[in-house]
Amino acid sequence: MKLPRSDRFLWAAFSLLVAFAVLTVCSKNSFLYPMNDWVDVNCFFTVGRGITHGLIPYRDLYDQKGPLLYFVYALAALVSEHGFLGVFVIETLLYAAFLYIGGRIAALLSGRPCAFWLTAAGLGIGVPLSPAFSHGGSAEEFFLPVFAGALYIVLKAMRARRPLTKGQSALLGVLAAAALWTKYTFCGLFAGLAAAALIWYLADGQGKALPGTILWALIGAVAASIPVLAWYAARGALGDLWQVYFVDNLTMYSRNIRGGSYAEPLPNLLNNLSWSVPAILGLAGLAITAKKAWRELLAMALSAAALFVFTYASGRKYPYYAMVMACFAPLGYGQLFGLIPAARCETKAFRRGAALLAVLVAALSPAAALRWSNNVYLKDVAREEMPPYRFAEIIRRSEDRTLLNYGFLDGGFYLAADSLPVTRFFCTLNNDLPAMEEEHRAAIAGGRTAFVVTRGRGQERRSGRGQKETIDLSAYRPVDSCSMLFEGMEWTYTLYERRENREGA
C-alpha cells in the first residue's frame, strides 16, 4: 500500500498531536507535574545525567537495565538536566512513532487506509490510561515503536508473499540489537519472529533466500552493536558491561526478589483491557482467517508467546511489564476495519467521517485522561512540598552536596539537589548484592557523603528478605523529615546530615 507523501505527513502530524495531548496529562514526565516520582525513572535519569558528566554505567554507577536506555536518558539530560522536559520530549516522539506504525499495521491488515485514524486515536488514549502505563518513561513504553516496527516489517513482507528484502532484514537486525541493549527480555519478540520466518520460508519453498535473510539480519545487528561495544571498550569498561548487565542480571536479579504483592502475569495482562482486548481479538481474527493468513497468524502468535515468556520467565511480575504486549493491539483494529466492505471504506464520506471521529477522540482525550489517569493526583502537589525538593533546599546550603539514597530505589533526591553520586551503588537496588550493602555501610560509617536520605519508619529499612535491619547512622544527625504518597502508600523520608558539616558551620 503506497501512501502519498501528503498522507504520510498528515498521519505523522496526527500521531504527534495525539501523543502530546494524551501524555501531557498521563505522564509524570510532563510539564504539568512537579516531577516524576517513580523510582525506576529516577534511576535511569541519574545514570543518564552521570553519562553527561563522564561517569560510566555499571563501572561508576550500578544499575540493571541496558546501556541503550541510559544513552536515551543521557540525551534527555542534554535537553534538560534539571527536570524531566527532555524525557517528556523523547517520550512523546517515541509514542507518536508507535501510534503512526500501529495505525499503518491496521491499515495494512485491513487493506483500508482509513483504518489509520481511529487506530492511532484508540491506541493513543487506550495505552496511557491502562494500569501498565504506570508513571511514564518505562523502558517498556519507550520500546513500543520498535516492537511495532518489527511486526510491521514482517507483516508487510508476508502480505506481499515474498521473502524479506535485504533492507528489511538488516533493519530487523538493528531493532533486535536495540532490544538486546535495552532489556534483553525484549528479544523474545524477535525470537518468535525468527522462528516464524524459518517456517514461512520453508513452507513457501523459499529456503534458498533464508541464508541471505539471516546474513543481512546479522549485519544489521552487528552494525548496531558496534557503537555500544566501542563506547565501552574506549573507556575500558567492557568487563563491567558483561558482569553487570548479563551475569548479575541472569544470576541474581531473578533470584533475589524483594517483597511485594502483584497480580500473576495473565491477570496482569487482562487488567489492561483498553489494549489487551484489541490484541486478543486481532490474534483471534487471524486464527479465523488462518487458511489465507496462516503466515501472519504464525508470526504474530509466536512473537506474542515468546515475548510473554521472556518477559515473565524471571518470576517478577511488576504491573508495567505487561506494557510490552500492547504492540499487538493494532491487530484488533486491523481486523475490525477488515470487516467493513471495501466499497464503503473507499467513499469520501466514510474516509472523512473516520478522520473527523479520530480528531474528536483526540480532542477529548485530555479530558478523559484527567478523569481516568492514575497519575493526576500528583498534578496539584507543589514541588516544594515533595521530599526531594524540600530536602534540596537544605542540601543546597552546603558546599558539599554529596548524597546517598539509602534503603530504597532512587527517589529523585540527586536530581532535586543537583548532585551526582559519589558511590557506585547510588541507591539500594533490587539485587541483594553483598558488595552493595558493604559499600553503603562503609560509606555511612565513614561519613563519605555529606547527606543520607532514608525511607520508612525511623532508621529501619526493608531487606531483600522482607526483614528489618538497622544501619549505624551515628556519624549523621537528622535534619528534616517529610512524608509523601507514592504508589498508594504513604512513605516517610528522613534527611541526615554529616555531623562535622553542622559542627564546622
Protein backbone atom coordinates (compact mmCIF):
# COMPACT_ATOMS: atom_id res chain seq x y z
CA MET A 1 0.00 0.00 0.00
CA LYS A 2 1.85 3.04 -1.32
CA LEU A 3 0.93 6.20 0.54
CA PRO A 4 1.11 9.68 -0.96
CA ARG A 5 3.61 11.92 0.79
CA SER A 6 0.81 14.25 1.89
CA ASP A 7 -0.97 11.36 3.65
CA ARG A 8 2.23 10.27 5.41
CA PHE A 9 2.70 13.83 6.65
CA LEU A 10 -0.89 14.09 7.90
CA TRP A 11 -0.66 10.71 9.63
CA ALA A 12 2.62 11.63 11.32
CA ALA A 13 1.29 15.03 12.41
CA PHE A 14 -1.87 13.45 13.81
CA SER A 15 0.16 10.84 15.71
CA LEU A 16 2.32 13.55 17.24
CA LEU A 17 -0.72 15.60 18.20
CA VAL A 18 -2.41 12.65 19.92
CA ALA A 19 0.78 11.62 21.71
CA PHE A 20 1.34 15.13 23.02
CA ALA A 21 -2.28 15.64 24.08
CA VAL A 22 -2.50 12.37 25.99
CA LEU A 23 0.97 12.21 27.54
CA THR A 24 0.75 15.79 28.75
CA VAL A 25 -1.84 14.54 31.22
CA CYS A 26 -0.94 10.86 31.65
CA SER A 27 2.84 11.01 32.01
CA LYS A 28 4.53 12.34 35.11
CA ASN A 29 7.36 13.49 32.87
CA SER A 30 5.00 16.19 31.60
CA PHE A 31 5.45 19.86 32.48
CA LEU A 32 2.12 19.66 34.33
CA TYR A 33 3.77 17.67 37.13
CA PRO A 34 6.30 18.81 39.73
CA MET A 35 8.49 15.80 38.96
CA ASN A 36 8.29 12.13 38.05
CA ASP A 37 8.49 10.44 41.44
CA TRP A 38 8.82 6.93 40.03
CA VAL A 39 11.97 5.34 41.41
CA ASP A 40 12.82 3.44 38.21
CA VAL A 41 12.79 6.55 36.04
CA ASN A 42 14.91 8.41 38.55
CA CYS A 43 17.46 5.60 38.44
CA PHE A 44 17.58 5.87 34.65
CA PHE A 45 17.87 9.64 34.77
CA THR A 46 20.61 9.64 37.41
CA VAL A 47 22.67 7.29 35.26
CA GLY A 48 21.88 9.35 32.15
CA ARG A 49 22.95 12.55 33.90
CA GLY A 50 26.07 10.75 35.07
CA ILE A 51 26.98 9.87 31.48
CA THR A 52 26.93 13.55 30.51
CA HIS A 53 29.46 14.16 33.31
CA GLY A 54 31.81 11.35 32.32
CA LEU A 55 30.52 8.55 34.55
CA ILE A 56 30.21 5.07 33.07
CA PRO A 57 27.13 2.88 33.64
CA TYR A 58 27.96 -0.34 35.51
CA ARG A 59 31.54 0.70 36.35
CA ASP A 60 30.82 4.01 38.11
CA LEU A 61 27.05 3.78 38.53
CA TYR A 62 25.48 0.38 39.16
CA ASP A 63 22.05 -0.25 37.65
CA GLN A 64 20.48 -3.17 35.83
CA LYS A 65 18.92 -2.01 32.55
CA GLY A 66 20.70 -1.97 29.18
CA PRO A 67 23.07 0.78 28.07
CA LEU A 68 20.82 1.98 25.25
CA LEU A 69 18.20 3.08 27.77
CA TYR A 70 20.82 5.08 29.67
CA PHE A 71 22.00 6.71 26.44
CA VAL A 72 18.41 7.80 25.79
CA TYR A 73 18.22 9.33 29.25
CA ALA A 74 21.62 10.97 28.72
CA LEU A 75 20.16 12.58 25.59
CA ALA A 76 17.23 13.75 27.71
CA ALA A 77 19.68 15.24 30.21
CA LEU A 78 21.34 17.20 27.41
CA VAL A 79 17.94 18.75 26.67
CA SER A 80 17.18 19.45 30.33
CA GLU A 81 19.45 18.20 33.11
CA HIS A 82 17.44 19.63 35.99
CA GLY A 83 13.98 18.38 35.10
CA PHE A 84 12.04 15.90 33.01
CA LEU A 85 11.38 18.10 29.98
CA GLY A 86 13.90 16.20 27.86
CA VAL A 87 12.42 12.88 28.95
CA PHE A 88 8.95 14.13 28.02
CA VAL A 89 10.09 15.28 24.57
CA ILE A 90 11.68 11.90 23.80
CA GLU A 91 8.72 10.04 25.29
CA THR A 92 6.28 12.00 23.11
CA LEU A 93 8.28 11.42 19.92
CA LEU A 94 8.61 7.68 20.59
CA TYR A 95 4.95 7.31 21.46
CA ALA A 96 3.96 9.23 18.33
CA ALA A 97 6.10 6.78 16.33
CA PHE A 98 4.23 3.89 17.93
CA LEU A 99 0.85 5.41 17.05
CA TYR A 100 1.98 6.02 13.47
CA ILE A 101 3.31 2.48 12.98
CA GLY A 102 0.34 0.96 14.80
CA GLY A 103 -2.03 2.81 12.50
CA ARG A 104 -0.11 1.58 9.47
CA ILE A 105 -0.31 -2.01 10.75
CA ALA A 106 -4.11 -1.71 10.98
CA ALA A 107 -4.27 -0.18 7.51
CA LEU A 108 -2.07 -2.93 6.10
CA LEU A 109 -4.02 -5.80 7.64
CA SER A 110 -7.42 -4.40 6.72
CA GLY A 111 -6.47 -3.03 3.33
CA ARG A 112 -8.33 0.14 4.38
CA PRO A 113 -6.15 3.27 4.69
CA CYS A 114 -8.90 4.96 6.70
CA ALA A 115 -8.21 2.44 9.50
CA PHE A 116 -5.18 4.50 10.44
CA TRP A 117 -7.11 7.34 12.01
CA LEU A 118 -9.18 5.55 14.61
CA THR A 119 -6.36 3.08 15.33
CA ALA A 120 -3.94 5.89 16.18
CA ALA A 121 -6.60 7.65 18.23
CA GLY A 122 -7.71 4.49 20.02
CA LEU A 123 -4.18 3.41 20.85
CA GLY A 124 -3.29 6.95 21.79
CA ILE A 125 -5.76 7.14 24.64
CA GLY A 126 -6.08 3.43 25.44
CA VAL A 127 -2.48 2.58 26.26
CA PRO A 128 -1.62 5.52 28.61
CA LEU A 129 -4.86 5.02 30.54
CA SER A 130 -4.06 1.36 31.23
CA PRO A 131 -2.57 0.23 34.57
CA ALA A 132 0.58 -0.98 32.80
CA PHE A 133 1.47 2.57 31.79
CA SER A 134 2.31 3.27 35.44
CA HIS A 135 4.10 6.62 35.83
CA GLY A 136 5.55 7.19 32.36
CA GLY A 137 9.05 6.76 31.00
CA SER A 138 9.48 2.99 31.35
CA ALA A 139 11.70 1.00 29.02
CA GLU A 140 8.60 -0.96 28.04
CA GLU A 141 6.80 2.20 26.92
CA PHE A 142 9.80 3.58 25.04
CA PHE A 143 10.23 0.33 23.14
CA LEU A 144 6.69 0.07 21.77
CA PRO A 145 7.58 1.68 18.40
CA VAL A 146 10.48 -0.76 18.00
CA PHE A 147 8.22 -3.74 18.61
CA ALA A 148 5.55 -2.34 16.30
CA GLY A 149 8.14 -1.58 13.63
CA ALA A 150 9.39 -5.16 13.65
CA LEU A 151 5.83 -6.50 13.37
CA TYR A 152 5.07 -4.14 10.50
CA ILE A 153 8.15 -5.17 8.52
CA VAL A 154 7.32 -8.86 8.77
CA LEU A 155 3.60 -8.39 8.09
CA LYS A 156 4.34 -6.25 5.03
CA ALA A 157 6.60 -8.92 3.54
CA MET A 158 4.10 -11.66 4.32
CA ARG A 159 1.24 -9.73 2.72
CA ALA A 160 3.39 -9.28 -0.41
CA ARG A 161 4.08 -13.06 -0.37
CA ARG A 162 7.81 -12.55 -0.80
CA PRO A 163 10.88 -13.01 1.39
CA LEU A 164 12.24 -10.10 3.39
CA THR A 165 14.39 -7.73 1.37
CA LYS A 166 18.00 -7.03 2.32
CA GLY A 167 16.99 -3.70 3.80
CA GLN A 168 14.13 -5.18 5.81
CA SER A 169 16.34 -7.98 7.11
CA ALA A 170 19.09 -5.55 8.13
CA LEU A 171 16.57 -3.25 9.82
CA LEU A 172 15.15 -6.18 11.78
CA GLY A 173 18.70 -6.94 12.91
CA VAL A 174 19.13 -3.35 14.06
CA LEU A 175 15.86 -3.49 16.00
CA ALA A 176 16.81 -6.83 17.59
CA ALA A 177 20.14 -5.34 18.68
CA ALA A 178 18.27 -2.39 20.17
CA ALA A 179 16.23 -4.90 22.17
CA LEU A 180 19.38 -6.66 23.36
CA TRP A 181 20.97 -3.41 24.55
CA THR A 182 17.84 -2.08 26.24
CA LYS A 183 16.43 -5.04 28.14
CA TYR A 184 17.31 -8.42 26.79
CA THR A 185 13.92 -9.90 27.71
CA PHE A 186 12.69 -7.75 24.80
CA CYS A 187 14.48 -10.16 22.47
CA GLY A 188 11.56 -12.58 22.93
CA LEU A 189 9.56 -10.88 20.20
CA PHE A 190 12.44 -11.23 17.75
CA ALA A 191 12.97 -14.87 18.69
CA GLY A 192 9.32 -15.52 17.85
CA LEU A 193 9.57 -13.66 14.55
CA ALA A 194 12.73 -15.58 13.63
CA ALA A 195 11.02 -18.92 14.28
CA ALA A 196 8.01 -17.83 12.23
CA ALA A 197 10.23 -16.65 9.37
CA LEU A 198 12.03 -20.02 9.28
CA ILE A 199 8.74 -21.93 8.98
CA TRP A 200 7.35 -19.42 6.48
CA TYR A 201 10.37 -19.59 4.17
CA LEU A 202 10.48 -23.38 4.18
CA ALA A 203 6.73 -23.79 3.72
CA ASP A 204 6.73 -21.40 0.76
CA GLY A 205 9.72 -23.05 -0.89
CA GLN A 206 11.90 -20.02 -0.22
CA GLY A 207 14.64 -21.89 1.62
CA LYS A 208 17.31 -20.54 -0.72
CA ALA A 209 16.56 -17.00 0.47
CA LEU A 210 16.97 -17.95 4.14
CA PRO A 211 20.80 -17.65 4.36
CA GLY A 212 20.67 -14.18 2.83
CA THR A 213 18.00 -13.04 5.25
CA ILE A 214 19.99 -14.36 8.21
CA LEU A 215 23.18 -12.76 6.92
CA TRP A 216 21.65 -9.32 6.48
CA ALA A 217 19.92 -9.52 9.85
CA LEU A 218 23.26 -10.34 11.46
CA ILE A 219 24.91 -7.46 9.60
CA GLY A 220 22.27 -5.10 10.95
CA ALA A 221 22.60 -6.44 14.48
CA VAL A 222 26.40 -6.22 14.44
CA ALA A 223 26.37 -2.73 12.92
CA ALA A 224 24.02 -1.54 15.69
CA SER A 225 26.05 -3.25 18.42
CA ILE A 226 29.47 -1.95 17.40
CA PRO A 227 28.89 1.61 18.70
CA VAL A 228 27.80 0.27 22.10
CA LEU A 229 30.76 -2.07 22.42
CA ALA A 230 33.18 0.55 21.08
CA TRP A 231 31.93 3.12 23.60
CA TYR A 232 32.62 0.74 26.49
CA ALA A 233 35.89 -0.52 25.01
CA ALA A 234 37.19 3.04 24.64
CA ARG A 235 36.59 3.52 28.35
CA GLY A 236 37.99 0.16 29.42
CA ALA A 237 34.60 -0.93 30.79
CA LEU A 238 33.63 -3.93 28.64
CA GLY A 239 34.15 -6.23 31.60
CA ASP A 240 31.77 -4.15 33.73
CA LEU A 241 29.15 -4.23 30.97
CA TRP A 242 29.36 -8.03 30.78
CA GLN A 243 29.42 -8.61 34.52
CA VAL A 244 26.53 -6.36 35.49
CA TYR A 245 24.18 -6.40 32.52
CA PHE A 246 24.46 -10.08 31.74
CA VAL A 247 25.99 -12.07 34.60
CA ASP A 248 24.42 -10.25 37.56
CA ASN A 249 21.03 -9.92 35.89
CA LEU A 250 20.89 -13.59 34.94
CA THR A 251 22.18 -14.96 38.22
CA MET A 252 20.92 -12.53 40.85
CA TYR A 253 18.08 -10.28 39.69
CA SER A 254 15.53 -13.04 39.25
CA ARG A 255 16.73 -14.97 42.30
CA ASN A 256 16.59 -12.14 44.84
CA ILE A 257 13.02 -10.93 44.63
CA ARG A 258 12.01 -8.33 47.18
CA GLY A 259 8.63 -8.44 48.83
CA GLY A 260 5.52 -7.19 47.11
CA SER A 261 2.07 -8.31 46.07
CA TYR A 262 1.43 -8.25 42.32
CA ALA A 263 -1.10 -9.90 40.04
CA GLU A 264 0.01 -13.00 38.16
CA PRO A 265 1.05 -12.47 34.52
CA LEU A 266 -2.24 -13.36 32.83
CA PRO A 267 -4.47 -11.38 35.23
CA ASN A 268 -1.98 -8.54 34.95
CA LEU A 269 -2.25 -8.66 31.16
CA LEU A 270 -6.04 -8.88 31.12
CA ASN A 271 -6.25 -5.98 33.57
CA ASN A 272 -5.26 -3.71 30.69
CA LEU A 273 -8.49 -4.12 28.75
CA SER A 274 -8.08 -0.98 26.63
CA TRP A 275 -5.33 -2.66 24.63
CA SER A 276 -5.38 -6.34 25.66
CA VAL A 277 -8.86 -6.84 24.18
CA PRO A 278 -7.84 -5.47 20.74
CA ALA A 279 -4.69 -7.58 20.86
CA ILE A 280 -6.61 -10.77 21.67
CA LEU A 281 -9.28 -10.01 19.08
CA GLY A 282 -6.59 -9.39 16.50
CA LEU A 283 -4.98 -12.77 17.10
CA ALA A 284 -8.41 -14.42 17.12
CA GLY A 285 -9.27 -12.76 13.81
CA LEU A 286 -6.08 -14.04 12.23
CA ALA A 287 -6.90 -17.51 13.54
CA ILE A 288 -10.36 -17.38 11.93
CA THR A 289 -8.82 -16.46 8.59
CA ALA A 290 -5.86 -18.82 9.06
CA LYS A 291 -6.43 -20.53 5.70
CA LYS A 292 -5.25 -17.45 3.83
CA ALA A 293 -3.43 -15.65 6.65
CA TRP A 294 -1.55 -18.52 8.29
CA ARG A 295 1.79 -16.76 7.85
CA GLU A 296 0.60 -13.65 9.64
CA LEU A 297 -1.03 -15.74 12.38
CA LEU A 298 2.16 -17.74 12.83
CA ALA A 299 4.34 -14.63 13.12
CA MET A 300 2.04 -12.79 15.50
CA ALA A 301 1.26 -15.80 17.70
CA LEU A 302 4.87 -16.95 18.03
CA SER A 303 6.20 -13.46 18.69
CA ALA A 304 3.48 -12.77 21.27
CA ALA A 305 4.07 -16.09 23.04
CA ALA A 306 7.85 -15.70 23.06
CA LEU A 307 7.68 -12.10 24.28
CA PHE A 308 5.30 -13.11 27.05
CA VAL A 309 7.56 -15.96 28.18
CA PHE A 310 10.74 -13.88 28.04
CA THR A 311 9.05 -11.08 29.99
CA TYR A 312 7.85 -13.22 32.87
CA ALA A 313 10.45 -16.01 32.93
CA SER A 314 12.36 -14.28 35.72
CA GLY A 315 9.46 -14.72 38.12
CA ARG A 316 8.92 -10.98 38.51
CA LYS A 317 5.55 -9.59 37.55
CA TYR A 318 5.52 -5.83 38.03
CA PRO A 319 2.40 -4.22 36.50
CA TYR A 320 4.36 -2.25 33.90
CA TYR A 321 5.88 -5.45 32.47
CA ALA A 322 2.61 -6.10 30.61
CA MET A 323 3.10 -2.92 28.55
CA VAL A 324 5.23 -4.78 26.00
CA MET A 325 2.19 -6.74 24.83
CA ALA A 326 0.41 -3.53 23.79
CA CYS A 327 2.32 -3.66 20.50
CA PHE A 328 -0.18 -6.33 19.35
CA ALA A 329 -3.22 -4.08 19.88
CA PRO A 330 -3.15 -2.70 16.28
CA LEU A 331 -4.02 -6.21 15.08
CA GLY A 332 -7.50 -5.89 16.55
CA TYR A 333 -8.16 -2.56 14.89
CA GLY A 334 -6.99 -4.02 11.59
CA GLN A 335 -9.36 -6.98 11.92
CA LEU A 336 -12.26 -4.67 12.83
CA PHE A 337 -11.83 -2.45 9.78
CA GLY A 338 -11.34 -5.51 7.61
CA LEU A 339 -14.97 -6.43 8.33
CA ILE A 340 -16.20 -3.22 6.69
CA PRO A 341 -16.84 -3.61 2.95
CA ALA A 342 -14.06 -2.07 0.90
CA ALA A 343 -16.53 -0.19 -1.30
CA ARG A 344 -17.89 1.64 1.72
CA CYS A 345 -14.45 2.43 3.15
CA GLU A 346 -13.37 3.93 -0.17
CA THR A 347 -16.14 6.51 -0.23
CA LYS A 348 -15.13 10.07 0.50
CA ALA A 349 -17.84 10.40 3.16
CA PHE A 350 -16.59 7.36 5.09
CA ARG A 351 -12.96 8.45 4.93
CA ARG A 352 -13.79 11.93 6.14
CA GLY A 353 -16.06 10.56 8.83
CA ALA A 354 -13.34 8.26 10.16
CA ALA A 355 -10.83 11.10 10.20
CA LEU A 356 -13.23 13.52 11.90
CA LEU A 357 -14.17 10.94 14.53
CA ALA A 358 -10.49 10.32 15.21
CA VAL A 359 -9.89 14.05 15.58
CA LEU A 360 -12.82 14.25 18.00
CA VAL A 361 -11.36 11.38 20.07
CA ALA A 362 -8.01 13.15 20.10
CA ALA A 363 -9.61 16.42 21.16
CA LEU A 364 -11.47 14.75 24.02
CA SER A 365 -8.52 12.61 25.11
CA PRO A 366 -7.03 15.15 27.57
CA ALA A 367 -10.39 15.39 29.35
CA ALA A 368 -10.61 11.59 29.50
CA ALA A 369 -7.07 11.44 30.82
CA LEU A 370 -7.84 14.00 33.53
CA ARG A 371 -10.78 11.85 34.57
CA TRP A 372 -9.20 8.39 34.49
CA SER A 373 -5.41 8.62 34.57
CA ASN A 374 -3.84 7.17 37.71
CA ASN A 375 -1.24 9.94 37.79
CA VAL A 376 -3.34 13.10 38.00
CA TYR A 377 -3.28 13.02 41.82
CA LEU A 378 0.23 14.47 41.63
CA LYS A 379 -0.68 17.36 39.34
CA ASP A 380 -1.74 19.72 42.12
CA VAL A 381 1.10 18.89 44.50
CA ALA A 382 3.51 21.79 44.87
CA ARG A 383 7.12 20.95 44.07
CA GLU A 384 8.38 22.38 47.36
CA GLU A 385 6.06 20.03 49.26
CA MET A 386 7.76 16.94 47.84
CA PRO A 387 10.60 15.46 49.93
CA PRO A 388 13.27 15.67 47.17
CA TYR A 389 12.81 19.42 46.68
CA ARG A 390 12.18 20.17 50.33
CA PHE A 391 15.43 18.42 51.24
CA ALA A 392 17.19 20.08 48.31
CA GLU A 393 16.70 23.47 49.95
CA ILE A 394 18.80 22.23 52.88
CA ILE A 395 21.37 20.40 50.79
CA ARG A 396 22.00 23.37 48.52
CA ARG A 397 23.09 25.47 51.51
CA SER A 398 26.08 23.21 51.98
CA GLU A 399 29.27 23.47 49.96
CA ASP A 400 29.34 19.67 49.94
CA ARG A 401 26.21 18.33 48.26
CA THR A 402 27.26 14.68 48.13
CA LEU A 403 24.38 12.37 48.90
CA LEU A 404 23.50 8.71 49.41
CA ASN A 405 19.96 7.49 48.69
CA TYR A 406 19.92 4.58 51.17
CA GLY A 407 17.44 1.73 51.62
CA PHE A 408 15.30 2.25 48.51
CA LEU A 409 15.49 2.93 44.79
CA ASP A 410 16.39 6.42 43.58
CA GLY A 411 13.69 8.80 44.79
CA GLY A 412 14.79 11.82 42.77
CA PHE A 413 16.93 13.36 45.51
CA TYR A 414 20.05 13.54 43.35
CA LEU A 415 18.11 15.36 40.65
CA ALA A 416 16.45 17.84 43.01
CA ALA A 417 19.70 18.66 44.82
CA ASP A 418 21.69 18.90 41.58
CA SER A 419 24.04 16.25 42.98
CA LEU A 420 25.84 13.39 41.28
CA PRO A 421 26.50 10.11 43.12
CA VAL A 422 29.96 9.50 44.57
CA THR A 423 29.21 5.86 45.35
CA ARG A 424 28.91 3.16 42.70
CA PHE A 425 25.75 1.86 44.35
CA PHE A 426 23.94 5.19 44.41
CA CYS A 427 20.76 3.68 45.85
CA THR A 428 19.51 0.35 47.19
CA LEU A 429 18.59 -1.80 44.19
CA ASN A 430 16.53 -4.96 43.87
CA ASN A 431 19.71 -7.02 43.71
CA ASP A 432 20.82 -8.03 47.18
CA LEU A 433 24.48 -7.94 46.26
CA PRO A 434 26.81 -8.21 49.27
CA ALA A 435 29.03 -5.55 47.65
CA MET A 436 26.13 -3.09 47.62
CA GLU A 437 25.41 -3.43 51.32
CA GLU A 438 29.12 -3.37 52.17
CA GLU A 439 29.68 -0.16 50.23
CA HIS A 440 26.66 1.51 51.81
CA ARG A 441 27.62 0.57 55.34
CA ALA A 442 31.23 1.66 54.82
CA ALA A 443 30.15 4.94 53.23
CA ILE A 444 27.74 5.76 56.06
CA ALA A 445 30.11 4.68 58.83
CA GLY A 446 32.92 6.76 57.31
CA GLY A 447 30.75 9.77 56.56
CA ARG A 448 31.69 9.61 52.88
CA THR A 449 28.71 11.69 51.76
CA ALA A 450 27.55 14.93 53.34
CA PHE A 451 23.93 13.73 53.38
CA VAL A 452 21.99 10.47 53.58
CA VAL A 453 18.31 10.01 52.75
CA THR A 454 16.31 7.06 54.10
CA ARG A 455 12.72 5.97 53.59
CA GLY A 456 10.42 4.21 56.01
CA ARG A 457 9.99 4.47 59.76
CA GLY A 458 12.92 5.78 61.77
CA GLN A 459 16.15 4.12 60.74
CA GLU A 460 14.57 0.89 59.64
CA ARG A 461 14.66 -0.40 56.11
CA ARG A 462 13.44 -3.47 54.30
CA SER A 463 15.98 -6.09 53.43
CA GLY A 464 15.54 -8.30 50.39
CA ARG A 465 14.05 -10.95 52.65
CA GLY A 466 11.35 -8.69 54.00
CA GLN A 467 13.02 -8.39 57.40
CA LYS A 468 14.02 -5.26 59.26
CA GLU A 469 17.58 -4.17 59.53
CA THR A 470 19.17 -1.14 61.13
CA ILE A 471 22.07 0.92 59.94
CA ASP A 472 24.51 2.82 62.16
CA LEU A 473 23.92 6.49 61.42
CA SER A 474 25.91 7.81 64.37
CA ALA A 475 28.11 9.86 62.03
CA TYR A 476 24.98 11.79 60.94
CA ARG A 477 22.19 13.73 62.56
CA PRO A 478 18.59 14.01 61.29
CA VAL A 479 17.80 17.49 59.99
CA ASP A 480 14.40 17.06 58.33
CA SER A 481 11.61 14.56 57.76
CA CYS A 482 8.76 14.60 55.27
CA SER A 483 6.03 12.22 54.11
CA MET A 484 4.76 11.61 50.59
CA LEU A 485 2.19 9.37 48.92
CA PHE A 486 3.80 7.01 46.43
CA GLU A 487 2.04 4.13 44.67
CA GLY A 488 -0.85 4.19 47.09
CA MET A 489 1.29 4.16 50.25
CA GLU A 490 2.47 6.98 52.48
CA TRP A 491 6.22 6.94 52.97
CA THR A 492 8.28 8.95 55.42
CA TYR A 493 11.63 10.25 54.21
CA THR A 494 14.37 11.46 56.52
CA LEU A 495 17.36 13.61 55.64
CA TYR A 496 20.54 13.10 57.65
CA GLU A 497 23.48 15.50 57.60
CA ARG A 498 27.04 14.57 58.48
CA ARG A 499 27.78 15.86 61.96
CA GLU A 500 31.03 17.58 61.03
CA ASN A 501 29.14 19.63 58.45
CA ARG A 502 26.96 21.15 61.14
CA GLU A 503 29.75 21.46 63.68
CA GLY A 504 32.06 23.13 61.18
CA ALA A 505 29.42 25.56 60.00
